[in-house]
Amino acid sequence: MQITAELVKDLIAAQFPQWSGLPVRPVEKSGHDNRTFHLGDAMSVRLPSGKAYEAQVQKESRWLPYLQAQLDFPVSAPLAVGQPSAQYPYFWSVNRWIEGCTLLEEPPEDRAALAAGLAAALKKLQQVDCTGGPEAGAHNFYRGCSPAVYDGGTRAALDALRGRLPTDRLAAVWADCTAAPYTDRGVWVHGDVAPGNILMRDRRFCGLIDFGILGTGDPACDYAMAWTYFEAAERRVFLGGLSCGMVARARGWALWKSLITYDDENPDSRQAARHAVREILGETG
């Protein structure tokens, strides 16, 4: 279905009339899972793009206020949850708007400083007590599980790219990545650490947004940007202090994502995928 500003206005008028006089306009770039709109200057509205993403709304409503109180960077916790209706069939949310631009819109002043700031934010997230939190699984597309859960898709992508990439080398890298088990306690996992979900202010790291695939488990997936975005020197900063096994699994997440999006229609995704493959081959050759 088409999710438009007019639909959002109608939903607000029907369910939250106290905000019905506020202007609605789409954000510059919405993510894949949700369509996002400005509601006035201080709020946003997020609507799942399909049934598969609806559960994210109630999960964020349950856990983001808790995380917001524990973290020293801003978190866009829901202010209200909209109900399914004849106009729109899924739960949806009204959230506090956090000032800033995403990394897609605003390149950093210092990429190494971005790597350090992002790593520090992830460490703080992992230190928050996750007792009772949602364990990684189908609800968050297995972020927080081993990358081996996507073994079939990875091997199919390698077969499809045979002749264009050194797939035997990449298959060996994949085998190493999936052989390193995670044996520590589960921690909070953001699940979608990517340029579109990294908030910048004055070209400096400010915070993380879009916790839709939040879960608890192995945080290796949150470090895939070490290859999909960063280069060697910045990667060392970002991954500093992590175990060899954690780095291997993170590389596995980056490799899986890059292989399945190597020819993606979205130019940002395609560019990130090809960058990651080059970086992985460069450090494992």
Protein backbone atom coordinates (compact mmCIF):
# COMPACT_ATOMS: atom_id res chain seq x y z
CA MET A 1 0.00 0.00 0.00
CA GLN A 2 1.02 3.59 -0.54
CA ILE A 3 2.11 5.29 2.69
CA THR A 4 1.71 9.01 2.08
CA ALA A 5 1.66 12.24 4.06
CA GLU A 6 -2.10 12.40 3.51
CA LEU A 7 -2.53 8.97 5.08
CA VAL A 8 -0.44 10.05 8.06
CA LYS A 9 -2.54 13.20 8.49
CA ASP A 10 -5.71 11.10 8.46
CA LEU A 11 -4.30 8.65 11.02
CA ILE A 12 -3.20 11.44 13.34
CA ALA A 13 -6.58 13.17 13.06
CA ALA A 14 -8.43 9.95 13.86
CA GLN A 15 -6.27 8.64 16.72
CA PHE A 16 -4.31 11.60 18.11
CA PRO A 17 -6.42 14.70 17.43
CA GLN A 18 -4.30 16.76 19.83
CA TRP A 19 -1.61 16.75 17.12
CA SER A 20 -3.89 17.06 14.10
CA GLY A 21 -2.94 20.68 13.40
CA LEU A 22 0.75 19.91 12.96
CA PRO A 23 2.23 19.74 9.46
CA VAL A 24 3.29 16.36 8.08
CA ARG A 25 6.08 15.85 5.56
CA PRO A 26 8.27 12.88 4.63
CA VAL A 27 11.84 12.72 5.88
CA GLU A 28 14.54 13.03 3.25
CA LYS A 29 15.37 9.30 3.34
CA SER A 30 13.23 6.57 4.89
CA GLY A 31 14.54 3.13 5.70
CA HIS A 32 13.40 -0.17 4.23
CA ASP A 33 11.39 -1.42 7.20
CA ASN A 34 9.52 1.79 8.01
CA ARG A 35 8.29 4.94 6.32
CA THR A 36 9.05 8.01 8.42
CA PHE A 37 7.44 11.45 8.41
CA HIS A 38 8.04 14.67 10.30
CA LEU A 39 5.14 15.65 12.56
CA GLY A 40 5.68 19.31 13.30
CA ASP A 41 9.22 20.17 14.38
CA ALA A 42 9.57 17.95 17.45
CA MET A 43 8.04 14.58 16.49
CA SER A 44 8.11 11.91 13.82
CA VAL A 45 5.70 9.21 12.69
CA ARG A 46 6.98 5.74 11.75
CA LEU A 47 4.83 3.26 9.87
CA PRO A 48 5.97 -0.30 9.07
CA SER A 49 6.22 -0.92 5.33
CA GLY A 50 4.79 -4.42 5.73
CA LYS A 51 3.48 -7.03 8.16
CA ALA A 52 6.96 -8.46 8.76
CA TYR A 53 8.02 -5.24 10.49
CA GLU A 54 4.92 -4.57 12.61
CA ALA A 55 6.26 -6.27 15.75
CA GLN A 56 9.08 -3.74 15.85
CA VAL A 57 6.63 -1.03 16.92
CA GLN A 58 5.56 -2.70 20.15
CA LYS A 59 9.10 -3.85 20.91
CA GLU A 60 10.38 -0.29 20.62
CA SER A 61 7.50 0.95 22.76
CA ARG A 62 8.43 -1.57 25.47
CA TRP A 63 12.21 -1.19 25.49
CA LEU A 64 13.31 2.19 24.14
CA PRO A 65 12.11 4.23 27.14
CA TYR A 66 14.20 1.88 29.32
CA LEU A 67 17.28 2.23 27.10
CA GLN A 68 16.79 5.98 26.82
CA ALA A 69 17.11 6.26 30.60
CA GLN A 70 20.31 4.20 30.63
CA LEU A 71 22.26 5.68 27.72
CA ASP A 72 24.10 8.98 27.38
CA PHE A 73 23.21 9.44 23.71
CA PRO A 74 19.70 10.31 22.48
CA VAL A 75 17.22 7.54 21.70
CA SER A 76 13.98 8.26 19.85
CA ALA A 77 11.55 6.53 22.21
CA PRO A 78 7.88 6.33 21.13
CA LEU A 79 5.51 8.92 22.56
CA ALA A 80 2.40 7.04 21.42
CA VAL A 81 1.45 3.88 19.53
CA GLY A 82 -1.20 4.01 16.83
CA GLN A 83 -3.64 1.13 16.40
CA PRO A 84 -4.40 -0.86 13.24
CA SER A 85 -7.47 0.44 11.43
CA ALA A 86 -9.31 0.32 8.14
CA GLN A 87 -7.01 3.08 6.90
CA TYR A 88 -3.76 1.32 7.79
CA PRO A 89 -3.57 -2.32 8.97
CA TYR A 90 -0.54 -2.26 11.30
CA PHE A 91 0.57 -0.76 14.59
CA TRP A 92 2.54 2.47 14.10
CA SER A 93 4.24 5.02 16.34
CA VAL A 94 4.71 8.69 17.08
CA ASN A 95 8.23 9.42 18.30
CA ARG A 96 10.32 12.25 19.61
CA TRP A 97 12.35 13.80 16.80
CA ILE A 98 16.09 13.99 17.43
CA GLU A 99 17.88 16.83 15.69
CA GLY A 100 20.67 15.85 13.32
CA CYS A 101 21.34 14.21 9.98
CA THR A 102 22.16 10.62 9.17
CA LEU A 103 25.62 9.62 8.08
CA LEU A 104 24.19 9.12 4.58
CA GLU A 105 23.37 12.84 4.51
CA GLU A 106 26.33 14.28 6.40
CA PRO A 107 29.87 12.84 6.04
CA PRO A 108 32.02 12.95 9.18
CA GLU A 109 34.62 15.59 9.85
CA ASP A 110 36.99 12.83 11.04
CA ARG A 111 36.31 9.20 10.11
CA ALA A 112 38.55 7.82 12.86
CA ALA A 113 36.68 9.92 15.42
CA LEU A 114 33.41 8.53 14.06
CA ALA A 115 34.77 5.00 14.46
CA ALA A 116 35.74 5.71 18.06
CA GLY A 117 32.43 7.38 18.90
CA LEU A 118 30.36 4.60 17.37
CA ALA A 119 32.41 1.91 19.13
CA ALA A 120 31.94 3.70 22.47
CA ALA A 121 28.18 3.95 21.91
CA LEU A 122 27.92 0.23 21.15
CA LYS A 123 29.93 -0.62 24.25
CA LYS A 124 27.57 1.48 26.37
CA LEU A 125 24.57 -0.25 24.83
CA GLN A 126 26.10 -3.65 25.60
CA GLN A 127 26.68 -2.67 29.23
CA VAL A 128 22.99 -1.98 29.89
CA ASP A 129 21.29 -4.83 31.77
CA CYS A 130 19.34 -6.88 29.23
CA THR A 131 17.45 -9.13 31.65
CA GLY A 132 14.10 -9.99 30.09
CA GLY A 133 15.05 -8.46 26.76
CA PRO A 134 13.95 -10.10 23.49
CA GLU A 135 16.35 -12.89 22.58
CA ALA A 136 17.65 -12.85 19.02
CA GLY A 137 15.56 -14.83 16.57
CA ALA A 138 13.11 -14.54 13.71
CA HIS A 139 11.58 -11.34 15.14
CA ASN A 140 14.81 -9.43 14.46
CA PHE A 141 16.03 -11.44 11.48
CA TYR A 142 18.50 -13.32 13.70
CA ARG A 143 20.67 -10.32 14.55
CA GLY A 144 22.46 -11.49 17.69
CA CYS A 145 22.70 -15.09 16.46
CA SER A 146 25.65 -16.60 14.61
CA PRO A 147 26.08 -15.43 11.01
CA ALA A 148 25.96 -19.15 10.16
CA VAL A 149 22.16 -18.85 10.27
CA TYR A 150 22.51 -17.35 6.78
CA ASP A 151 24.86 -20.02 5.46
CA GLY A 152 22.47 -21.11 2.72
CA GLY A 153 21.94 -17.59 1.41
CA THR A 154 25.64 -16.84 1.53
CA ARG A 155 26.58 -19.94 -0.43
CA ALA A 156 23.85 -19.27 -2.99
CA ALA A 157 25.18 -15.73 -3.45
CA LEU A 158 28.72 -17.07 -3.87
CA ASP A 159 27.49 -19.46 -6.57
CA ALA A 160 25.71 -16.60 -8.35
CA LEU A 161 28.85 -14.44 -8.29
CA ARG A 162 31.21 -17.16 -9.46
CA GLY A 163 33.36 -15.84 -12.30
CA ARG A 164 32.98 -12.23 -11.13
CA LEU A 165 34.59 -12.58 -7.70
CA PRO A 166 37.21 -14.95 -6.22
CA THR A 167 34.47 -17.02 -4.68
CA ASP A 168 36.74 -19.84 -3.46
CA ARG A 169 38.68 -17.32 -1.37
CA LEU A 170 35.49 -15.76 -0.09
CA ALA A 171 34.05 -19.19 0.76
CA ALA A 172 37.15 -19.89 2.85
CA VAL A 173 36.71 -16.56 4.64
CA TRP A 174 33.06 -17.41 5.29
CA ALA A 175 34.02 -20.80 6.75
CA ASP A 176 36.43 -19.11 9.16
CA CYS A 177 33.82 -16.52 10.14
CA THR A 178 31.20 -19.09 11.03
CA ALA A 179 33.58 -21.37 12.95
CA ALA A 180 34.06 -18.95 15.85
CA PRO A 181 31.37 -19.58 18.52
CA TYR A 182 30.00 -16.95 20.88
CA THR A 183 30.17 -18.21 24.45
CA ASP A 184 29.69 -15.05 26.53
CA ARG A 185 26.42 -13.82 28.01
CA GLY A 186 23.97 -12.13 25.69
CA VAL A 187 23.99 -8.33 25.49
CA TRP A 188 21.85 -5.71 23.79
CA VAL A 189 22.20 -5.75 20.00
CA HIS A 190 21.05 -2.79 17.89
CA GLY A 191 20.90 -5.03 14.83
CA ASP A 192 21.04 -2.44 12.05
CA VAL A 193 24.14 -0.31 12.56
CA ALA A 194 24.41 1.34 9.15
CA PRO A 195 24.97 4.87 7.80
CA GLY A 196 21.24 5.50 7.55
CA ASN A 197 20.83 4.81 11.27
CA ILE A 198 23.82 6.77 12.57
CA LEU A 199 22.96 10.28 13.65
CA MET A 200 25.40 13.13 13.04
CA ARG A 201 25.44 16.67 14.35
CA ASP A 202 27.99 19.22 13.12
CA ARG A 203 29.63 16.32 11.23
CA ARG A 204 30.30 14.42 14.46
CA PHE A 205 28.75 11.23 15.80
CA CYS A 206 25.66 12.00 17.86
CA GLY A 207 23.72 8.77 18.34
CA LEU A 208 21.91 5.75 16.94
CA ILE A 209 18.37 5.63 15.60
CA ASP A 210 15.96 2.93 14.36
CA PHE A 211 16.07 0.17 16.97
CA GLY A 212 13.45 -1.88 15.12
CA ILE A 213 15.50 -5.09 15.09
CA LEU A 214 16.74 -4.69 18.63
CA GLY A 215 17.47 -7.93 20.45
CA THR A 216 19.83 -9.63 22.87
CA GLY A 217 22.64 -12.01 22.02
CA ASP A 218 26.00 -11.86 20.26
CA PRO A 219 26.80 -8.24 19.29
CA ALA A 220 29.08 -9.19 16.37
CA CYS A 221 26.47 -8.11 13.80
CA ASP A 222 26.73 -4.52 15.08
CA TYR A 223 30.32 -4.32 13.85
CA ALA A 224 29.76 -5.16 10.17
CA MET A 225 30.33 -1.50 9.29
CA ALA A 226 34.01 -2.15 9.93
CA TRP A 227 34.04 -3.44 6.34
CA THR A 228 30.93 -1.99 4.71
CA TYR A 229 31.95 1.59 5.54
CA PHE A 230 35.33 1.97 7.23
CA GLU A 231 38.80 1.46 5.78
CA ALA A 232 41.79 -0.26 7.37
CA ALA A 233 43.01 2.43 9.81
CA GLU A 234 39.48 3.35 10.91
CA ARG A 235 38.56 -0.32 11.18
CA ARG A 236 41.35 -0.86 13.71
CA VAL A 237 39.88 1.94 15.83
CA PHE A 238 36.33 0.62 15.53
CA LEU A 239 37.26 -2.98 16.39
CA GLY A 240 39.87 -2.17 19.01
CA GLY A 241 39.63 -4.41 22.06
CA LEU A 242 37.34 -7.02 20.50
CA SER A 243 38.28 -10.69 20.58
CA CYS A 244 39.47 -12.48 17.46
CA GLY A 245 36.27 -14.52 17.45
CA MET A 246 34.09 -11.41 17.64
CA VAL A 247 35.97 -9.83 14.75
CA ALA A 248 35.64 -13.02 12.70
CA ARG A 249 31.88 -13.21 13.23
CA ALA A 250 31.50 -9.50 12.48
CA ARG A 251 33.39 -10.05 9.23
CA GLY A 252 30.97 -12.87 8.50
CA TRP A 253 27.97 -10.58 8.91
CA ALA A 254 29.58 -8.04 6.60
CA LEU A 255 30.38 -10.71 4.02
CA TRP A 256 26.86 -12.19 4.03
CA LYS A 257 25.22 -8.79 3.65
CA SER A 258 27.64 -7.70 0.95
CA LEU A 259 27.25 -10.82 -1.16
CA ILE A 260 23.45 -10.73 -1.14
CA THR A 261 23.40 -7.00 -2.00
CA TYR A 262 26.32 -6.97 -4.43
CA ASP A 263 24.00 -6.08 -7.31
CA ASP A 264 21.34 -4.30 -5.26
CA GLU A 265 19.17 -1.72 -7.02
CA ASN A 266 19.85 0.77 -4.21
CA PRO A 267 23.13 2.52 -5.09
CA ASP A 268 24.06 3.08 -1.43
CA SER A 269 23.64 -0.63 -0.66
CA ARG A 270 25.52 -1.65 -3.79
CA GLN A 271 28.41 0.69 -3.04
CA ALA A 272 28.67 -0.53 0.57
CA ALA A 273 28.62 -4.16 -0.58
CA ARG A 274 31.41 -3.73 -3.09
CA HIS A 275 33.48 -1.71 -0.66
CA ALA A 276 33.15 -4.48 1.93
CA VAL A 277 34.17 -7.23 -0.47
CA ARG A 278 37.27 -5.24 -1.45
CA GLU A 279 38.16 -4.63 2.19
CA ILE A 280 37.64 -8.27 3.18
CA LEU A 281 39.72 -9.55 0.28
CA GLY A 282 42.39 -6.96 1.02
CA GLU A 283 42.88 -8.04 4.62
CA THR A 284 42.56 -11.79 4.07
CA GLY A 285 44.51 -12.16 0.84
